[in-house]
Full PDB file with SEQRES, HELIX, SHEET, SSBOND, CRYST1, ORIGX, SCALE, CONECT and MASTER records, all heavy atoms in Angstrom:
SEQRES   1 A   43  LEU ALA PHE PRO LEU ALA TYR GLY GLY ARG ASP LEU LEU          
SEQRES   2 A   43  SER SER GLY LYS VAL ASN PHE PHE SER VAL LEU GLY ILE          
SEQRES   3 A   43  VAL SER ILE LEU LEU THR GLY GLY ILE SER LEU LEU HIS          
SEQRES   4 A   43  LEU ASP ALA LYS                                              
HELIX    1 AA1 ALA A    2  SER A   15  1                                  14    
HELIX    2 AA2 PHE A   20  LEU A   37  1                                  18    
CRYST1    1.000    1.000    1.000  90.00  90.00  90.00 P 1           1          
ORIGX1      1.000000  0.000000  0.000000        0.00000                         
ORIGX2      0.000000  1.000000  0.000000        0.00000                         
ORIGX3      0.000000  0.000000  1.000000        0.00000                         
SCALE1      1.000000  0.000000  0.000000        0.00000                         
SCALE2      0.000000  1.000000  0.000000        0.00000                         
SCALE3      0.000000  0.000000  1.000000        0.00000                         
ATOM      1  N   LEU A   1       5.127  35.147  23.775  1.00  0.00           N  
ATOM      2  CA  LEU A   1       4.410  34.466  22.704  1.00  0.00           C  
ATOM      3  C   LEU A   1       3.875  35.449  21.654  1.00  0.00           C  
ATOM      4  O   LEU A   1       3.525  35.059  20.566  1.00  0.00           O  
ATOM      5  CB  LEU A   1       3.253  33.694  23.286  1.00  0.00           C  
ATOM      6  CG  LEU A   1       3.656  32.542  24.227  1.00  0.00           C  
ATOM      7  CD1 LEU A   1       2.420  31.791  24.684  1.00  0.00           C  
ATOM      8  CD2 LEU A   1       4.611  31.559  23.495  1.00  0.00           C  
ATOM      9  N   ALA A   2       3.894  36.776  21.960  1.00  0.00           N  
ATOM     10  CA  ALA A   2       3.438  37.758  21.012  1.00  0.00           C  
ATOM     11  C   ALA A   2       4.379  37.813  19.827  1.00  0.00           C  
ATOM     12  O   ALA A   2       3.921  38.090  18.695  1.00  0.00           O  
ATOM     13  CB  ALA A   2       3.336  39.140  21.696  1.00  0.00           C  
ATOM     14  N   PHE A   3       5.676  37.521  20.027  1.00  0.00           N  
ATOM     15  CA  PHE A   3       6.635  37.667  18.943  1.00  0.00           C  
ATOM     16  C   PHE A   3       6.428  36.565  17.873  1.00  0.00           C  
ATOM     17  O   PHE A   3       6.274  36.891  16.685  1.00  0.00           O  
ATOM     18  CB  PHE A   3       8.085  37.604  19.480  1.00  0.00           C  
ATOM     19  CG  PHE A   3       8.505  38.903  20.081  1.00  0.00           C  
ATOM     20  CD1 PHE A   3       8.286  39.172  21.433  1.00  0.00           C  
ATOM     21  CD2 PHE A   3       9.144  39.854  19.290  1.00  0.00           C  
ATOM     22  CE1 PHE A   3       8.673  40.393  21.976  1.00  0.00           C  
ATOM     23  CE2 PHE A   3       9.552  41.073  19.823  1.00  0.00           C  
ATOM     24  CZ  PHE A   3       9.298  41.349  21.194  1.00  0.00           C  
ATOM     25  N   PRO A   4       6.361  35.280  18.210  1.00  0.00           N  
ATOM     26  CA  PRO A   4       6.074  34.280  17.181  1.00  0.00           C  
ATOM     27  C   PRO A   4       4.657  34.429  16.611  1.00  0.00           C  
ATOM     28  O   PRO A   4       4.434  34.138  15.430  1.00  0.00           O  
ATOM     29  CB  PRO A   4       6.247  32.937  17.879  1.00  0.00           C  
ATOM     30  CG  PRO A   4       6.162  33.216  19.338  1.00  0.00           C  
ATOM     31  CD  PRO A   4       6.680  34.616  19.507  1.00  0.00           C  
ATOM     32  N   LEU A   5       3.750  34.911  17.439  1.00  0.00           N  
ATOM     33  CA  LEU A   5       2.365  35.117  16.943  1.00  0.00           C  
ATOM     34  C   LEU A   5       2.344  36.220  15.900  1.00  0.00           C  
ATOM     35  O   LEU A   5       1.692  36.102  14.855  1.00  0.00           O  
ATOM     36  CB  LEU A   5       1.454  35.463  18.092  1.00  0.00           C  
ATOM     37  CG  LEU A   5      -0.065  35.528  17.827  1.00  0.00           C  
ATOM     38  CD1 LEU A   5      -0.544  34.127  17.414  1.00  0.00           C  
ATOM     39  CD2 LEU A   5      -0.805  35.969  19.067  1.00  0.00           C  
ATOM     40  N   ALA A   6       3.088  37.329  16.178  1.00  0.00           N  
ATOM     41  CA  ALA A   6       3.168  38.417  15.177  1.00  0.00           C  
ATOM     42  C   ALA A   6       3.868  37.979  13.930  1.00  0.00           C  
ATOM     43  O   ALA A   6       3.463  38.348  12.803  1.00  0.00           O  
ATOM     44  CB  ALA A   6       3.881  39.602  15.807  1.00  0.00           C  
ATOM     45  N   TYR A   7       4.913  37.146  14.102  1.00  0.00           N  
ATOM     46  CA  TYR A   7       5.645  36.679  12.910  1.00  0.00           C  
ATOM     47  C   TYR A   7       4.718  35.772  12.048  1.00  0.00           C  
ATOM     48  O   TYR A   7       4.705  35.912  10.816  1.00  0.00           O  
ATOM     49  CB  TYR A   7       6.889  35.883  13.346  1.00  0.00           C  
ATOM     50  CG  TYR A   7       7.780  35.483  12.217  1.00  0.00           C  
ATOM     51  CD1 TYR A   7       8.783  36.308  11.743  1.00  0.00           C  
ATOM     52  CD2 TYR A   7       7.607  34.237  11.566  1.00  0.00           C  
ATOM     53  CE1 TYR A   7       9.580  35.954  10.691  1.00  0.00           C  
ATOM     54  CE2 TYR A   7       8.412  33.866  10.511  1.00  0.00           C  
ATOM     55  CZ  TYR A   7       9.411  34.717  10.082  1.00  0.00           C  
ATOM     56  OH  TYR A   7      10.202  34.348   9.035  1.00  0.00           O  
ATOM     57  N   GLY A   8       3.978  34.883  12.658  1.00  0.00           N  
ATOM     58  CA  GLY A   8       3.078  34.032  11.915  1.00  0.00           C  
ATOM     59  C   GLY A   8       1.973  34.826  11.253  1.00  0.00           C  
ATOM     60  O   GLY A   8       1.593  34.525  10.107  1.00  0.00           O  
ATOM     61  N   GLY A   9       1.433  35.836  11.961  1.00  0.00           N  
ATOM     62  CA  GLY A   9       0.405  36.670  11.371  1.00  0.00           C  
ATOM     63  C   GLY A   9       0.912  37.478  10.195  1.00  0.00           C  
ATOM     64  O   GLY A   9       0.225  37.622   9.179  1.00  0.00           O  
ATOM     65  N   ARG A  10       2.125  37.991  10.321  1.00  0.00           N  
ATOM     66  CA  ARG A  10       2.734  38.742   9.197  1.00  0.00           C  
ATOM     67  C   ARG A  10       2.909  37.838   7.965  1.00  0.00           C  
ATOM     68  O   ARG A  10       2.690  38.243   6.840  1.00  0.00           O  
ATOM     69  CB  ARG A  10       4.101  39.316   9.612  1.00  0.00           C  
ATOM     70  CG  ARG A  10       4.776  40.155   8.520  1.00  0.00           C  
ATOM     71  CD  ARG A  10       6.260  40.249   8.792  1.00  0.00           C  
ATOM     72  NE  ARG A  10       6.904  38.962   8.695  1.00  0.00           N  
ATOM     73  CZ  ARG A  10       7.323  38.428   7.535  1.00  0.00           C  
ATOM     74  NH1 ARG A  10       7.140  39.068   6.389  1.00  0.00           N  
ATOM     75  NH2 ARG A  10       7.902  37.224   7.512  1.00  0.00           N  
ATOM     76  N   ASP A  11       3.281  36.569   8.223  1.00  0.00           N  
ATOM     77  CA  ASP A  11       3.461  35.611   7.124  1.00  0.00           C  
ATOM     78  C   ASP A  11       2.159  35.374   6.389  1.00  0.00           C  
ATOM     79  O   ASP A  11       2.088  35.305   5.163  1.00  0.00           O  
ATOM     80  CB  ASP A  11       4.021  34.293   7.682  1.00  0.00           C  
ATOM     81  CG  ASP A  11       4.253  33.244   6.590  1.00  0.00           C  
ATOM     82  OD1 ASP A  11       5.051  33.521   5.689  1.00  0.00           O  
ATOM     83  OD2 ASP A  11       3.619  32.194   6.640  1.00  0.00           O  
ATOM     84  N   LEU A  12       1.065  35.278   7.175  1.00  0.00           N  
ATOM     85  CA  LEU A  12      -0.227  35.075   6.578  1.00  0.00           C  
ATOM     86  C   LEU A  12      -0.677  36.250   5.699  1.00  0.00           C  
ATOM     87  O   LEU A  12      -1.164  36.133   4.594  1.00  0.00           O  
ATOM     88  CB  LEU A  12      -1.321  34.791   7.649  1.00  0.00           C  
ATOM     89  CG  LEU A  12      -1.373  33.403   8.202  1.00  0.00           C  
ATOM     90  CD1 LEU A  12      -2.384  33.361   9.354  1.00  0.00           C  
ATOM     91  CD2 LEU A  12      -1.759  32.382   7.139  1.00  0.00           C  
ATOM     92  N   LEU A  13      -0.451  37.486   6.263  1.00  0.00           N  
ATOM     93  CA  LEU A  13      -0.858  38.698   5.561  1.00  0.00           C  
ATOM     94  C   LEU A  13      -0.017  38.925   4.311  1.00  0.00           C  
ATOM     95  O   LEU A  13      -0.545  39.311   3.276  1.00  0.00           O  
ATOM     96  CB  LEU A  13      -0.756  39.883   6.504  1.00  0.00           C  
ATOM     97  CG  LEU A  13      -1.737  39.905   7.673  1.00  0.00           C  
ATOM     98  CD1 LEU A  13      -1.460  41.110   8.608  1.00  0.00           C  
ATOM     99  CD2 LEU A  13      -3.186  40.005   7.136  1.00  0.00           C  
ATOM    100  N   SER A  14       1.291  38.662   4.412  1.00  0.00           N  
ATOM    101  CA  SER A  14       2.161  38.932   3.264  1.00  0.00           C  
ATOM    102  C   SER A  14       1.971  37.942   2.127  1.00  0.00           C  
ATOM    103  O   SER A  14       2.170  38.279   0.960  1.00  0.00           O  
ATOM    104  CB  SER A  14       3.639  38.915   3.711  1.00  0.00           C  
ATOM    105  OG  SER A  14       3.989  37.611   4.175  1.00  0.00           O  
ATOM    106  N   SER A  15       1.554  36.715   2.464  1.00  0.00           N  
ATOM    107  CA  SER A  15       1.335  35.711   1.438  1.00  0.00           C  
ATOM    108  C   SER A  15       0.034  35.945   0.652  1.00  0.00           C  
ATOM    109  O   SER A  15      -0.109  35.533  -0.469  1.00  0.00           O  
ATOM    110  CB  SER A  15       1.318  34.316   2.035  1.00  0.00           C  
ATOM    111  OG  SER A  15       0.190  34.145   2.921  1.00  0.00           O  
ATOM    112  N   GLY A  16      -0.896  36.677   1.310  1.00  0.00           N  
ATOM    113  CA  GLY A  16      -2.169  36.977   0.648  1.00  0.00           C  
ATOM    114  C   GLY A  16      -3.120  35.815   0.584  1.00  0.00           C  
ATOM    115  O   GLY A  16      -4.172  35.913  -0.049  1.00  0.00           O  
ATOM    116  N   LYS A  17      -2.757  34.706   1.205  1.00  0.00           N  
ATOM    117  CA  LYS A  17      -3.664  33.540   1.240  1.00  0.00           C  
ATOM    118  C   LYS A  17      -3.446  32.742   2.501  1.00  0.00           C  
ATOM    119  O   LYS A  17      -2.431  32.880   3.156  1.00  0.00           O  
ATOM    120  CB  LYS A  17      -3.436  32.671  -0.003  1.00  0.00           C  
ATOM    121  CG  LYS A  17      -2.014  32.110  -0.126  1.00  0.00           C  
ATOM    122  CD  LYS A  17      -1.833  31.295  -1.361  1.00  0.00           C  
ATOM    123  CE  LYS A  17      -0.410  30.764  -1.503  1.00  0.00           C  
ATOM    124  NZ  LYS A  17      -0.194  29.990  -2.709  1.00  0.00           N  
ATOM    125  N   VAL A  18      -4.411  31.929   2.828  1.00  0.00           N  
ATOM    126  CA  VAL A  18      -4.340  31.143   4.061  1.00  0.00           C  
ATOM    127  C   VAL A  18      -3.369  29.987   3.852  1.00  0.00           C  
ATOM    128  O   VAL A  18      -3.539  29.163   2.945  1.00  0.00           O  
ATOM    129  CB  VAL A  18      -5.755  30.604   4.450  1.00  0.00           C  
ATOM    130  CG1 VAL A  18      -5.640  29.700   5.678  1.00  0.00           C  
ATOM    131  CG2 VAL A  18      -6.684  31.749   4.732  1.00  0.00           C  
ATOM    132  N   ASN A  19      -2.343  29.945   4.687  1.00  0.00           N  
ATOM    133  CA  ASN A  19      -1.367  28.883   4.647  1.00  0.00           C  
ATOM    134  C   ASN A  19      -1.620  27.964   5.812  1.00  0.00           C  
ATOM    135  O   ASN A  19      -1.573  28.363   6.971  1.00  0.00           O  
ATOM    136  CB  ASN A  19       0.060  29.468   4.777  1.00  0.00           C  
ATOM    137  CG  ASN A  19       1.155  28.412   4.648  1.00  0.00           C  
ATOM    138  OD1 ASN A  19       1.223  27.511   5.457  1.00  0.00           O  
ATOM    139  ND2 ASN A  19       1.990  28.567   3.642  1.00  0.00           N  
ATOM    140  N   PHE A  20      -1.886  26.682   5.508  1.00  0.00           N  
ATOM    141  CA  PHE A  20      -2.275  25.739   6.550  1.00  0.00           C  
ATOM    142  C   PHE A  20      -1.198  25.620   7.631  1.00  0.00           C  
ATOM    143  O   PHE A  20      -1.537  25.598   8.830  1.00  0.00           O  
ATOM    144  CB  PHE A  20      -2.481  24.328   5.896  1.00  0.00           C  
ATOM    145  CG  PHE A  20      -2.742  23.229   6.874  1.00  0.00           C  
ATOM    146  CD1 PHE A  20      -3.959  23.090   7.497  1.00  0.00           C  
ATOM    147  CD2 PHE A  20      -1.729  22.325   7.189  1.00  0.00           C  
ATOM    148  CE1 PHE A  20      -4.187  22.110   8.442  1.00  0.00           C  
ATOM    149  CE2 PHE A  20      -1.966  21.304   8.088  1.00  0.00           C  
ATOM    150  CZ  PHE A  20      -3.185  21.187   8.708  1.00  0.00           C  
ATOM    151  N   PHE A  21       0.071  25.610   7.250  1.00  0.00           N  
ATOM    152  CA  PHE A  21       1.136  25.423   8.215  1.00  0.00           C  
ATOM    153  C   PHE A  21       1.269  26.673   9.100  1.00  0.00           C  
ATOM    154  O   PHE A  21       1.530  26.574  10.299  1.00  0.00           O  
ATOM    155  CB  PHE A  21       2.454  25.132   7.506  1.00  0.00           C  
ATOM    156  CG  PHE A  21       2.443  23.807   6.817  1.00  0.00           C  
ATOM    157  CD1 PHE A  21       2.208  23.713   5.451  1.00  0.00           C  
ATOM    158  CD2 PHE A  21       2.665  22.621   7.526  1.00  0.00           C  
ATOM    159  CE1 PHE A  21       2.216  22.490   4.810  1.00  0.00           C  
ATOM    160  CE2 PHE A  21       2.651  21.398   6.889  1.00  0.00           C  
ATOM    161  CZ  PHE A  21       2.418  21.323   5.533  1.00  0.00           C  
ATOM    162  N   SER A  22       1.089  27.875   8.498  1.00  0.00           N  
ATOM    163  CA  SER A  22       1.140  29.110   9.295  1.00  0.00           C  
ATOM    164  C   SER A  22      -0.018  29.158  10.300  1.00  0.00           C  
ATOM    165  O   SER A  22       0.187  29.531  11.478  1.00  0.00           O  
ATOM    166  CB  SER A  22       1.087  30.308   8.372  1.00  0.00           C  
ATOM    167  OG  SER A  22       2.223  30.384   7.565  1.00  0.00           O  
ATOM    168  N   VAL A  23      -1.191  28.773   9.866  1.00  0.00           N  
ATOM    169  CA  VAL A  23      -2.345  28.732  10.706  1.00  0.00           C  
ATOM    170  C   VAL A  23      -2.168  27.776  11.875  1.00  0.00           C  
ATOM    171  O   VAL A  23      -2.446  28.078  13.043  1.00  0.00           O  
ATOM    172  CB  VAL A  23      -3.617  28.366   9.952  1.00  0.00           C  
ATOM    173  CG1 VAL A  23      -4.810  28.133  10.902  1.00  0.00           C  
ATOM    174  CG2 VAL A  23      -3.972  29.472   8.963  1.00  0.00           C  
ATOM    175  N   LEU A  24      -1.599  26.628  11.576  1.00  0.00           N  
ATOM    176  CA  LEU A  24      -1.350  25.624  12.567  1.00  0.00           C  
ATOM    177  C   LEU A  24      -0.321  26.127  13.605  1.00  0.00           C  
ATOM    178  O   LEU A  24      -0.445  25.858  14.806  1.00  0.00           O  
ATOM    179  CB  LEU A  24      -0.836  24.320  11.947  1.00  0.00           C  
ATOM    180  CG  LEU A  24      -0.946  23.039  12.770  1.00  0.00           C  
ATOM    181  CD1 LEU A  24      -2.398  22.765  13.161  1.00  0.00           C  
ATOM    182  CD2 LEU A  24      -0.368  21.839  12.040  1.00  0.00           C  
ATOM    183  N   GLY A  25       0.691  26.839  13.124  1.00  0.00           N  
ATOM    184  CA  GLY A  25       1.702  27.422  13.998  1.00  0.00           C  
ATOM    185  C   GLY A  25       1.053  28.433  14.946  1.00  0.00           C  
ATOM    186  O   GLY A  25       1.383  28.457  16.171  1.00  0.00           O  
ATOM    187  N   ILE A  26       0.198  29.257  14.440  1.00  0.00           N  
ATOM    188  CA  ILE A  26      -0.514  30.254  15.279  1.00  0.00           C  
ATOM    189  C   ILE A  26      -1.395  29.547  16.316  1.00  0.00           C  
ATOM    190  O   ILE A  26      -1.418  29.946  17.496  1.00  0.00           O  
ATOM    191  CB  ILE A  26      -1.368  31.192  14.388  1.00  0.00           C  
ATOM    192  CG1 ILE A  26      -0.410  32.081  13.578  1.00  0.00           C  
ATOM    193  CG2 ILE A  26      -2.281  32.074  15.250  1.00  0.00           C  
ATOM    194  CD1 ILE A  26      -1.141  32.967  12.565  1.00  0.00           C  
ATOM    195  N   VAL A  27      -2.105  28.522  15.869  1.00  0.00           N  
ATOM    196  CA  VAL A  27      -2.952  27.775  16.830  1.00  0.00           C  
ATOM    197  C   VAL A  27      -2.090  27.147  17.933  1.00  0.00           C  
ATOM    198  O   VAL A  27      -2.486  27.174  19.111  1.00  0.00           O  
ATOM    199  CB  VAL A  27      -3.750  26.660  16.066  1.00  0.00           C  
ATOM    200  CG1 VAL A  27      -4.418  25.718  17.049  1.00  0.00           C  
ATOM    201  CG2 VAL A  27      -4.773  27.298  15.124  1.00  0.00           C  
ATOM    202  N   SER A  28      -0.934  26.604  17.573  1.00  0.00           N  
ATOM    203  CA  SER A  28      -0.038  26.037  18.539  1.00  0.00           C  
ATOM    204  C   SER A  28       0.424  27.025  19.578  1.00  0.00           C  
ATOM    205  O   SER A  28       0.465  26.768  20.756  1.00  0.00           O  
ATOM    206  CB  SER A  28       1.195  25.417  17.829  1.00  0.00           C  
ATOM    207  OG  SER A  28       2.114  24.909  18.741  1.00  0.00           O  
ATOM    208  N   ILE A  29       0.773  28.241  19.113  1.00  0.00           N  
ATOM    209  CA  ILE A  29       1.184  29.283  20.022  1.00  0.00           C  
ATOM    210  C   ILE A  29       0.055  29.697  20.980  1.00  0.00           C  
ATOM    211  O   ILE A  29       0.243  29.848  22.180  1.00  0.00           O  
ATOM    212  CB  ILE A  29       1.645  30.544  19.220  1.00  0.00           C  
ATOM    213  CG1 ILE A  29       2.905  30.229  18.417  1.00  0.00           C  
ATOM    214  CG2 ILE A  29       1.929  31.720  20.150  1.00  0.00           C  
ATOM    215  CD1 ILE A  29       3.242  31.197  17.365  1.00  0.00           C  
ATOM    216  N   LEU A  30      -1.151  29.860  20.423  1.00  0.00           N  
ATOM    217  CA  LEU A  30      -2.296  30.224  21.246  1.00  0.00           C  
ATOM    218  C   LEU A  30      -2.598  29.122  22.283  1.00  0.00           C  
ATOM    219  O   LEU A  30      -2.958  29.439  23.424  1.00  0.00           O  
ATOM    220  CB  LEU A  30      -3.519  30.463  20.370  1.00  0.00           C  
ATOM    221  CG  LEU A  30      -3.463  31.721  19.429  1.00  0.00           C  
ATOM    222  CD1 LEU A  30      -4.677  31.744  18.519  1.00  0.00           C  
ATOM    223  CD2 LEU A  30      -3.407  32.953  20.274  1.00  0.00           C  
ATOM    224  N   LEU A  31      -2.450  27.881  21.903  1.00  0.00           N  
ATOM    225  CA  LEU A  31      -2.683  26.776  22.843  1.00  0.00           C  
ATOM    226  C   LEU A  31      -1.659  26.806  23.986  1.00  0.00           C  
ATOM    227  O   LEU A  31      -2.004  26.644  25.162  1.00  0.00           O  
ATOM    228  CB  LEU A  31      -2.665  25.421  22.147  1.00  0.00           C  
ATOM    229  CG  LEU A  31      -3.887  25.070  21.287  1.00  0.00           C  
ATOM    230  CD1 LEU A  31      -3.635  23.809  20.503  1.00  0.00           C  
ATOM    231  CD2 LEU A  31      -5.133  24.935  22.168  1.00  0.00           C  
ATOM    232  N   THR A  32      -0.386  27.020  23.614  1.00  0.00           N  
ATOM    233  CA  THR A  32       0.652  27.117  24.640  1.00  0.00           C  
ATOM    234  C   THR A  32       0.360  28.248  25.617  1.00  0.00           C  
ATOM    235  O   THR A  32       0.455  28.097  26.828  1.00  0.00           O  
ATOM    236  CB  THR A  32       2.028  27.333  23.968  1.00  0.00           C  
ATOM    237  OG1 THR A  32       2.342  26.200  23.153  1.00  0.00           O  
ATOM    238  CG2 THR A  32       3.124  27.478  25.050  1.00  0.00           C  
ATOM    239  N   GLY A  33      -0.029  29.402  25.056  1.00  0.00           N  
ATOM    240  CA  GLY A  33      -0.340  30.562  25.884  1.00  0.00           C  
ATOM    241  C   GLY A  33      -1.547  30.287  26.758  1.00  0.00           C  
ATOM    242  O   GLY A  33      -1.529  30.590  28.000  1.00  0.00           O  
ATOM    243  N   GLY A  34      -2.580  29.709  26.178  1.00  0.00           N  
ATOM    244  CA  GLY A  34      -3.786  29.440  26.949  1.00  0.00           C  
ATOM    245  C   GLY A  34      -3.538  28.466  28.093  1.00  0.00           C  
ATOM    246  O   GLY A  34      -4.001  28.667  29.245  1.00  0.00           O  
ATOM    247  N   ILE A  35      -2.860  27.369  27.793  1.00  0.00           N  
ATOM    248  CA  ILE A  35      -2.541  26.380  28.828  1.00  0.00           C  
ATOM    249  C   ILE A  35      -1.695  26.980  29.952  1.00  0.00           C  
ATOM    250  O   ILE A  35      -1.916  26.726  31.139  1.00  0.00           O  
ATOM    251  CB  ILE A  35      -1.827  25.155  28.200  1.00  0.00           C  
ATOM    252  CG1 ILE A  35      -2.751  24.426  27.272  1.00  0.00           C  
ATOM    253  CG2 ILE A  35      -1.276  24.235  29.307  1.00  0.00           C  
ATOM    254  CD1 ILE A  35      -2.063  23.341  26.407  1.00  0.00           C  
ATOM    255  N   SER A  36      -0.729  27.807  29.567  1.00  0.00           N  
ATOM    256  CA  SER A  36       0.156  28.427  30.574  1.00  0.00           C  
ATOM    257  C   SER A  36      -0.586  29.479  31.419  1.00  0.00           C  
ATOM    258  O   SER A  36      -0.419  29.496  32.632  1.00  0.00           O  
ATOM    259  CB  SER A  36       1.366  29.087  29.858  1.00  0.00           C  
ATOM    260  OG  SER A  36       2.065  28.127  29.107  1.00  0.00           O  
ATOM    261  N   LEU A  37      -1.367  30.317  30.742  1.00  0.00           N  
ATOM    262  CA  LEU A  37      -2.059  31.392  31.481  1.00  0.00           C  
ATOM    263  C   LEU A  37      -3.176  30.871  32.383  1.00  0.00           C  
ATOM    264  O   LEU A  37      -3.512  31.472  33.398  1.00  0.00           O  
ATOM    265  CB  LEU A  37      -2.604  32.405  30.490  1.00  0.00           C  
ATOM    266  CG  LEU A  37      -1.572  33.189  29.696  1.00  0.00           C  
ATOM    267  CD1 LEU A  37      -2.236  34.090  28.652  1.00  0.00           C  
ATOM    268  CD2 LEU A  37      -0.703  34.043  30.625  1.00  0.00           C  
ATOM    269  N   LEU A  38      -3.755  29.744  31.983  1.00  0.00           N  
ATOM    270  CA  LEU A  38      -4.794  29.119  32.805  1.00  0.00           C  
ATOM    271  C   LEU A  38      -4.239  28.235  33.897  1.00  0.00           C  
ATOM    272  O   LEU A  38      -4.993  27.648  34.675  1.00  0.00           O  
ATOM    273  CB  LEU A  38      -5.752  28.301  31.925  1.00  0.00           C  
ATOM    274  CG  LEU A  38      -6.649  29.100  30.964  1.00  0.00           C  
ATOM    275  CD1 LEU A  38      -7.413  28.150  30.054  1.00  0.00           C  
ATOM    276  CD2 LEU A  38      -7.636  29.985  31.751  1.00  0.00           C  
ATOM    277  N   HIS A  39      -2.884  28.162  33.925  1.00  0.00           N  
ATOM    278  CA  HIS A  39      -2.191  27.335  34.949  1.00  0.00           C  
ATOM    279  C   HIS A  39      -2.604  25.872  34.934  1.00  0.00           C  
ATOM    280  O   HIS A  39      -2.740  25.229  35.989  1.00  0.00           O  
ATOM    281  CB  HIS A  39      -2.391  27.921  36.330  1.00  0.00           C  
ATOM    282  CG  HIS A  39      -1.867  29.310  36.474  1.00  0.00           C  
ATOM    283  ND1 HIS A  39      -2.047  30.088  37.605  1.00  0.00           N  
ATOM    284  CD2 HIS A  39      -1.166  30.118  35.626  1.00  0.00           C  
ATOM    285  CE1 HIS A  39      -1.494  31.266  37.467  1.00  0.00           C  
ATOM    286  NE2 HIS A  39      -0.954  31.297  36.239  1.00  0.00           N  
ATOM    287  N   LEU A  40      -2.879  25.371  33.734  1.00  0.00           N  
ATOM    288  CA  LEU A  40      -3.220  23.936  33.592  1.00  0.00           C  
ATOM    289  C   LEU A  40      -1.974  23.099  33.763  1.00  0.00           C  
ATOM    290  O   LEU A  40      -0.828  23.576  33.647  1.00  0.00           O  
ATOM    291  CB  LEU A  40      -3.870  23.689  32.248  1.00  0.00           C  
ATOM    292  CG  LEU A  40      -5.172  24.455  31.963  1.00  0.00           C  
ATOM    293  CD1 LEU A  40      -5.658  24.125  30.568  1.00  0.00           C  
ATOM    294  CD2 LEU A  40      -6.220  24.157  33.023  1.00  0.00           C  
ATOM    295  N   ASP A  41      -2.143  21.836  33.993  1.00  0.00           N  
ATOM    296  CA  ASP A  41      -1.018  20.914  34.174  1.00  0.00           C  
ATOM    297  C   ASP A  41      -0.163  20.929  32.912  1.00  0.00           C  
ATOM    298  O   ASP A  41      -0.635  20.948  31.805  1.00  0.00           O  
ATOM    299  CB  ASP A  41      -1.564  19.494  34.400  1.00  0.00           C  
ATOM    300  CG  ASP A  41      -0.471  18.556  34.940  1.00  0.00           C  
ATOM    301  OD1 ASP A  41       0.542  18.331  34.236  1.00  0.00           O  
ATOM    302  OD2 ASP A  41      -0.604  18.088  36.076  1.00  0.00           O  
ATOM    303  N   ALA A  42       1.144  20.880  33.147  1.00  0.00           N  
ATOM    304  CA  ALA A  42       2.129  20.956  32.059  1.00  0.00           C  
ATOM    305  C   ALA A  42       1.999  19.766  31.099  1.00  0.00           C  
ATOM    306  O   ALA A  42       2.499  19.859  29.958  1.00  0.00           O  
ATOM    307  CB  ALA A  42       3.555  21.025  32.634  1.00  0.00           C  
ATOM    308  N   LYS A  43       1.384  18.696  31.543  1.00  0.00           N  
ATOM    309  CA  LYS A  43       1.230  17.521  30.656  1.00  0.00           C  
ATOM    310  C   LYS A  43       0.432  17.888  29.415  1.00  0.00           C  
ATOM    311  O   LYS A  43       0.611  17.268  28.344  1.00  0.00           O  
ATOM    312  CB  LYS A  43       0.553  16.375  31.410  1.00  0.00           C  
ATOM    313  CG  LYS A  43      -0.928  16.587  31.720  1.00  0.00           C  
ATOM    314  CD  LYS A  43      -1.515  15.394  32.461  1.00  0.00           C  
ATOM    315  CE  LYS A  43      -2.996  15.618  32.782  1.00  0.00           C  
ATOM    316  NZ  LYS A  43      -3.564  14.457  33.526  1.00  0.00           N  
TER     317      LYS A  43                                                      
MASTER        0    0    0    2    0    0    0    6  316    1    0    4          
END                                                                             
């Protein structure tokens, strides 16, 4: 998950402004990682 997270972060930094879709993508990645690492139900 570090790879898509780094890609999304680079997109935010290179654009010079907050992109709603990029932020949402990063949040989605973090949620996937958090749910997986906490061993929560796959649902």
